[in-house]
N, C-alpha and C. Protein backbone atom coordinates (compact mmCIF):
# COMPACT_ATOMS: atom_id res chain seq x y z
N MET A 1 -2.22 28.77 -9.56
CA MET A 1 -2.29 28.93 -7.99
C MET A 1 -3.40 28.02 -7.60
N SER A 2 -3.15 27.14 -6.60
CA SER A 2 -4.04 26.29 -6.20
C SER A 2 -4.74 26.79 -4.88
N LEU A 3 -5.95 26.90 -4.92
CA LEU A 3 -6.74 27.29 -3.81
C LEU A 3 -7.36 26.28 -3.10
N GLN A 4 -7.28 25.00 -3.69
CA GLN A 4 -8.03 23.85 -3.16
C GLN A 4 -7.16 23.31 -2.07
N LEU A 5 -7.97 22.85 -1.05
CA LEU A 5 -7.31 22.18 0.02
C LEU A 5 -6.90 20.79 -0.35
N PRO A 6 -5.80 20.35 0.13
CA PRO A 6 -5.41 18.82 -0.40
C PRO A 6 -6.27 17.84 0.38
N THR A 7 -6.58 16.74 -0.46
CA THR A 7 -7.43 15.72 0.21
C THR A 7 -6.59 14.33 0.20
N ILE A 8 -6.48 13.77 1.29
CA ILE A 8 -5.79 12.36 1.36
C ILE A 8 -6.27 11.44 0.34
N GLY A 9 -5.51 10.86 -0.49
CA GLY A 9 -6.03 9.80 -1.39
C GLY A 9 -6.33 10.40 -2.73
N GLU A 10 -6.41 11.60 -2.93
CA GLU A 10 -6.79 12.30 -4.20
C GLU A 10 -5.50 12.35 -5.03
N TRP A 11 -5.65 12.25 -6.33
CA TRP A 11 -4.44 12.50 -7.27
C TRP A 11 -4.53 13.79 -7.88
N TYR A 12 -3.38 14.45 -8.11
CA TYR A 12 -3.35 15.74 -8.82
C TYR A 12 -2.29 15.63 -9.89
N TYR A 13 -2.44 16.64 -10.92
CA TYR A 13 -1.56 16.71 -11.86
C TYR A 13 -0.88 18.12 -11.82
N ASN A 14 0.46 18.10 -11.89
CA ASN A 14 1.15 19.39 -11.84
C ASN A 14 1.81 19.67 -13.26
N PRO A 15 1.24 20.54 -13.97
CA PRO A 15 1.74 20.76 -15.29
C PRO A 15 3.30 21.21 -15.48
N ILE A 16 3.55 21.85 -14.41
CA ILE A 16 5.20 22.16 -14.33
C ILE A 16 5.87 20.94 -13.96
N GLY A 17 6.60 20.36 -14.68
CA GLY A 17 7.30 19.11 -14.56
C GLY A 17 6.39 17.94 -14.91
N ASN A 18 5.25 18.08 -15.41
CA ASN A 18 4.55 17.04 -16.00
C ASN A 18 4.42 15.84 -14.92
N GLU A 19 3.91 16.05 -13.74
CA GLU A 19 3.96 15.11 -12.61
C GLU A 19 2.59 14.88 -12.07
N TYR A 20 2.27 13.55 -11.90
CA TYR A 20 1.13 13.03 -11.32
C TYR A 20 1.48 12.57 -9.85
N PHE A 21 0.76 12.93 -8.90
CA PHE A 21 0.90 12.49 -7.60
C PHE A 21 -0.31 12.34 -6.64
N GLU A 22 -0.21 11.67 -5.64
CA GLU A 22 -1.28 11.34 -4.75
C GLU A 22 -0.87 11.98 -3.37
N VAL A 23 -1.81 12.72 -2.71
CA VAL A 23 -1.75 13.26 -1.42
C VAL A 23 -1.81 11.90 -0.46
N VAL A 24 -0.79 11.79 0.40
CA VAL A 24 -0.81 10.58 1.29
C VAL A 24 -0.94 11.00 2.81
N ALA A 25 -0.59 12.24 2.99
CA ALA A 25 -0.77 12.79 4.44
C ALA A 25 -0.77 14.21 4.50
N VAL A 26 -1.55 14.71 5.52
CA VAL A 26 -1.65 16.10 5.68
C VAL A 26 -1.42 16.25 7.27
N ASP A 27 -0.42 17.09 7.57
CA ASP A 27 -0.10 17.34 8.89
C ASP A 27 -0.46 18.65 9.27
N ASP A 28 -1.62 18.82 10.08
CA ASP A 28 -2.23 20.16 10.40
C ASP A 28 -1.23 21.02 11.35
N GLN A 29 -0.49 20.18 12.27
CA GLN A 29 0.31 20.92 13.23
C GLN A 29 1.56 21.63 12.51
N SER A 30 2.22 20.89 11.60
CA SER A 30 3.31 21.43 10.90
C SER A 30 2.95 22.15 9.58
N ALA A 31 1.58 22.07 9.26
CA ALA A 31 1.14 22.59 7.97
C ALA A 31 1.95 22.09 6.80
N THR A 32 2.04 20.89 6.68
CA THR A 32 2.78 20.25 5.54
C THR A 32 1.80 19.35 4.83
N ILE A 33 2.12 18.98 3.64
CA ILE A 33 1.38 17.97 2.90
C ILE A 33 2.47 17.01 2.23
N GLU A 34 2.27 15.72 2.65
CA GLU A 34 3.13 14.73 1.97
C GLU A 34 2.47 14.16 0.83
N ILE A 35 3.21 13.97 -0.35
CA ILE A 35 2.69 13.37 -1.53
C ILE A 35 3.54 12.29 -2.07
N GLN A 36 3.05 11.40 -2.80
CA GLN A 36 3.78 10.34 -3.52
C GLN A 36 3.54 10.38 -4.99
N TYR A 37 4.56 10.43 -5.82
CA TYR A 37 4.45 10.50 -7.24
C TYR A 37 4.14 9.11 -7.68
N ALA A 38 3.75 9.05 -8.90
CA ALA A 38 3.32 7.73 -9.57
C ALA A 38 4.38 6.81 -9.48
N GLY A 39 5.74 7.19 -9.60
CA GLY A 39 6.86 6.41 -9.69
C GLY A 39 7.21 5.88 -8.27
N GLY A 40 6.71 6.43 -7.28
CA GLY A 40 6.95 5.96 -5.78
C GLY A 40 7.81 6.84 -5.04
N GLU A 41 8.40 8.00 -5.52
CA GLU A 41 9.06 8.83 -4.82
C GLU A 41 8.13 9.76 -3.93
N VAL A 42 8.60 9.97 -2.77
CA VAL A 42 7.80 10.74 -1.65
C VAL A 42 8.37 12.18 -1.53
N SER A 43 7.49 13.08 -1.48
CA SER A 43 7.88 14.43 -1.26
C SER A 43 7.06 15.27 -0.34
N GLU A 44 7.29 16.46 0.01
CA GLU A 44 6.44 17.24 1.02
C GLU A 44 6.51 18.67 0.60
N TYR A 45 5.38 19.26 0.68
CA TYR A 45 5.07 20.69 0.52
C TYR A 45 4.66 21.27 1.73
N ASP A 46 5.07 22.61 2.03
CA ASP A 46 4.29 23.29 3.02
C ASP A 46 3.15 23.88 2.56
N ILE A 47 2.30 24.45 3.35
CA ILE A 47 0.84 24.87 2.78
C ILE A 47 1.01 26.06 1.84
N GLU A 48 2.02 26.95 2.21
CA GLU A 48 2.21 28.21 1.37
C GLU A 48 2.70 27.70 -0.15
N ALA A 49 3.69 26.74 -0.12
CA ALA A 49 4.09 26.34 -1.46
C ALA A 49 2.93 25.51 -2.21
N TRP A 50 2.14 24.74 -1.54
CA TRP A 50 1.09 24.15 -2.01
C TRP A 50 0.08 25.04 -2.73
N GLN A 51 -0.19 26.22 -2.09
CA GLN A 51 -1.18 27.24 -2.72
C GLN A 51 -0.50 27.96 -3.96
N GLN A 52 0.70 27.87 -4.06
CA GLN A 52 1.43 28.49 -5.24
C GLN A 52 1.34 27.56 -6.37
N LEU A 53 1.01 26.29 -6.33
CA LEU A 53 1.11 25.24 -7.41
C LEU A 53 -0.20 25.49 -8.22
N SER A 54 -0.01 25.34 -9.50
CA SER A 54 -1.16 25.25 -10.39
C SER A 54 -1.69 23.83 -10.72
N LEU A 55 -2.36 23.19 -9.82
CA LEU A 55 -2.67 21.74 -9.82
C LEU A 55 -4.09 21.60 -10.41
N THR A 56 -4.20 20.51 -10.97
CA THR A 56 -5.60 20.16 -11.46
C THR A 56 -5.93 18.68 -10.96
N PRO A 57 -7.13 18.45 -10.48
CA PRO A 57 -7.40 17.13 -10.04
C PRO A 57 -7.29 16.06 -11.19
N ALA A 58 -6.75 14.87 -10.92
CA ALA A 58 -6.53 13.88 -11.93
C ALA A 58 -7.09 12.60 -11.49
N SER A 59 -7.24 11.68 -12.35
CA SER A 59 -7.75 10.31 -12.00
C SER A 59 -6.56 9.48 -11.86
N PRO A 60 -6.60 8.50 -10.83
CA PRO A 60 -5.40 7.69 -10.62
C PRO A 60 -4.88 6.86 -11.82
N PRO A 61 -3.81 6.69 -11.99
CA PRO A 61 -3.23 5.90 -12.97
C PRO A 61 -3.78 4.42 -12.97
N GLU A 62 -3.68 3.75 -14.13
CA GLU A 62 -4.36 2.40 -14.13
C GLU A 62 -3.83 1.45 -13.04
N ASP A 63 -2.57 1.41 -12.77
CA ASP A 63 -2.05 0.64 -11.66
C ASP A 63 -1.59 1.57 -10.58
N ALA A 64 -2.47 2.18 -9.81
CA ALA A 64 -2.08 3.25 -8.79
C ALA A 64 -1.33 2.60 -7.65
N GLY A 65 -1.45 1.21 -7.35
CA GLY A 65 -0.81 0.45 -6.40
C GLY A 65 0.68 0.25 -6.78
N ALA A 66 1.10 0.49 -7.93
CA ALA A 66 2.55 0.10 -8.32
C ALA A 66 3.47 0.87 -7.42
N ALA A 67 3.16 2.07 -7.05
CA ALA A 67 4.18 2.91 -6.13
C ALA A 67 4.29 2.33 -4.91
N TYR A 68 3.31 1.49 -4.46
CA TYR A 68 3.37 0.95 -3.19
C TYR A 68 3.67 -0.51 -3.24
N GLU A 69 4.05 -0.91 -4.51
CA GLU A 69 4.45 -2.39 -4.80
C GLU A 69 3.36 -3.25 -4.41
N SER A 70 2.19 -2.98 -4.38
CA SER A 70 1.00 -3.79 -4.27
C SER A 70 0.11 -3.95 -5.46
N GLY A 71 0.52 -4.99 -6.37
CA GLY A 71 -0.34 -5.21 -7.48
C GLY A 71 -1.56 -5.83 -7.08
N TYR A 72 -2.22 -6.18 -8.09
CA TYR A 72 -3.64 -6.77 -7.89
C TYR A 72 -3.53 -8.25 -7.48
N GLU A 73 -2.51 -8.96 -7.60
CA GLU A 73 -2.48 -10.27 -7.35
C GLU A 73 -2.41 -10.50 -5.87
N ASN A 74 -2.95 -11.54 -5.37
CA ASN A 74 -2.99 -11.66 -3.85
C ASN A 74 -1.79 -12.68 -3.55
N ASP A 75 -0.75 -12.27 -3.17
CA ASP A 75 0.35 -13.01 -2.89
C ASP A 75 0.24 -13.74 -1.62
N TRP A 76 -0.64 -13.33 -0.71
CA TRP A 76 -0.88 -14.09 0.51
C TRP A 76 -1.78 -15.30 0.40
N VAL A 77 -2.50 -15.28 -0.66
CA VAL A 77 -3.47 -16.53 -0.72
C VAL A 77 -2.65 -17.70 -1.46
N SER A 78 -2.70 -18.93 -0.77
CA SER A 78 -2.14 -20.09 -1.34
C SER A 78 -3.24 -21.01 -1.74
N ASP A 79 -2.90 -21.97 -2.49
CA ASP A 79 -3.78 -23.07 -2.81
C ASP A 79 -3.94 -24.28 -1.86
N ASP A 80 -3.13 -24.00 -0.71
CA ASP A 80 -3.19 -25.17 0.34
C ASP A 80 -4.53 -25.04 1.06
N THR A 81 -5.03 -26.15 1.40
CA THR A 81 -6.33 -26.28 2.12
C THR A 81 -5.94 -25.92 3.67
N LEU A 82 -6.74 -24.97 4.20
CA LEU A 82 -6.71 -24.66 5.58
C LEU A 82 -7.67 -25.44 6.45
N HIS A 83 -7.11 -25.97 7.52
CA HIS A 83 -7.89 -26.62 8.57
C HIS A 83 -7.93 -26.02 9.89
N PRO A 84 -8.79 -25.00 10.08
CA PRO A 84 -8.82 -24.32 11.24
C PRO A 84 -8.98 -24.91 12.55
N GLU A 85 -9.78 -26.24 12.49
CA GLU A 85 -10.04 -27.05 13.59
C GLU A 85 -8.65 -27.69 14.17
N SER A 86 -7.54 -27.72 13.41
CA SER A 86 -6.33 -28.16 13.95
C SER A 86 -5.38 -27.21 14.44
N TRP A 87 -5.79 -25.96 14.31
CA TRP A 87 -4.74 -24.85 14.71
C TRP A 87 -4.63 -24.93 16.31
N MET A 88 -5.65 -25.08 17.03
CA MET A 88 -5.64 -25.10 18.50
C MET A 88 -5.54 -26.54 19.06
N ASN A 89 -5.39 -27.60 18.26
CA ASN A 89 -5.50 -28.91 18.73
C ASN A 89 -4.02 -29.22 19.18
N PRO A 90 -3.79 -29.61 20.43
CA PRO A 90 -2.50 -29.93 20.79
C PRO A 90 -1.82 -31.29 20.22
N LEU A 91 -2.68 -32.11 19.77
CA LEU A 91 -2.27 -33.39 19.28
C LEU A 91 -1.69 -33.13 17.76
N SER A 92 -2.06 -31.90 17.15
CA SER A 92 -1.52 -31.84 15.76
C SER A 92 -0.05 -31.38 15.86
N ALA A 93 0.52 -31.03 16.99
CA ALA A 93 2.02 -30.67 17.12
C ALA A 93 2.77 -31.90 17.47
N ILE A 94 2.21 -33.02 17.79
CA ILE A 94 2.97 -34.17 18.14
C ILE A 94 3.31 -34.97 16.93
N GLU A 95 4.66 -35.31 16.78
CA GLU A 95 5.12 -36.03 15.64
C GLU A 95 4.95 -37.50 15.84
N PRO A 96 4.60 -38.30 14.92
CA PRO A 96 4.35 -39.72 15.24
C PRO A 96 5.68 -40.45 15.37
N ASP A 97 5.63 -41.54 16.27
CA ASP A 97 6.84 -42.25 16.44
C ASP A 97 6.79 -43.48 15.54
N SER A 98 7.14 -43.23 14.30
CA SER A 98 7.31 -44.35 13.23
C SER A 98 8.79 -44.50 12.86
N PHE A 99 9.13 -45.89 12.95
CA PHE A 99 10.46 -46.06 12.36
C PHE A 99 10.33 -47.06 11.24
N PRO A 100 10.96 -46.87 10.15
CA PRO A 100 10.93 -47.86 9.01
C PRO A 100 11.42 -49.25 9.40
N GLY A 101 10.45 -50.16 9.14
CA GLY A 101 10.78 -51.57 9.27
C GLY A 101 10.22 -52.06 10.59
N ILE A 102 9.90 -51.30 11.63
CA ILE A 102 9.44 -51.78 12.98
C ILE A 102 8.00 -51.73 12.88
N ASP A 103 7.24 -50.82 12.27
CA ASP A 103 5.83 -50.79 12.27
C ASP A 103 5.35 -51.65 11.20
N ASP A 104 6.00 -52.47 10.61
CA ASP A 104 5.56 -53.28 9.40
C ASP A 104 4.91 -54.59 9.99
N PHE A 105 4.98 -54.84 11.19
CA PHE A 105 4.41 -56.23 11.70
C PHE A 105 2.88 -56.11 11.75
C-alpha cells in the first residue's frame, strides 16, 4: 500500500506486474495521476487506486528518454556554419542574375 504522494518526474517500481514507470502529471482537480511506463505506454490512476499500490521508488532506466523518443544525440545540430548577420539582410534573399556565357566578358 503506497502512502507516498506521487511526484512528477519520479520513477517507481510496481512489483505486481514487474513494471517501472514515471509520473508525468498529477491532476488535483480530478484526483488522477498520469504515468508513463518505460516502454512508452501511458496510463492513469485515480488517487484511491494509487494508494492501494505497493510501490517503491526506483532510479530511472539508463535511457529514460527512450519512451519519449528523445535519445542523447542532438538531431537539431548540423555541421553547417550559421551566419546570423545574413538572417535579416534583405540582400541575402536576392538571387544573382548570372547567365552562363554572358558574364564571361
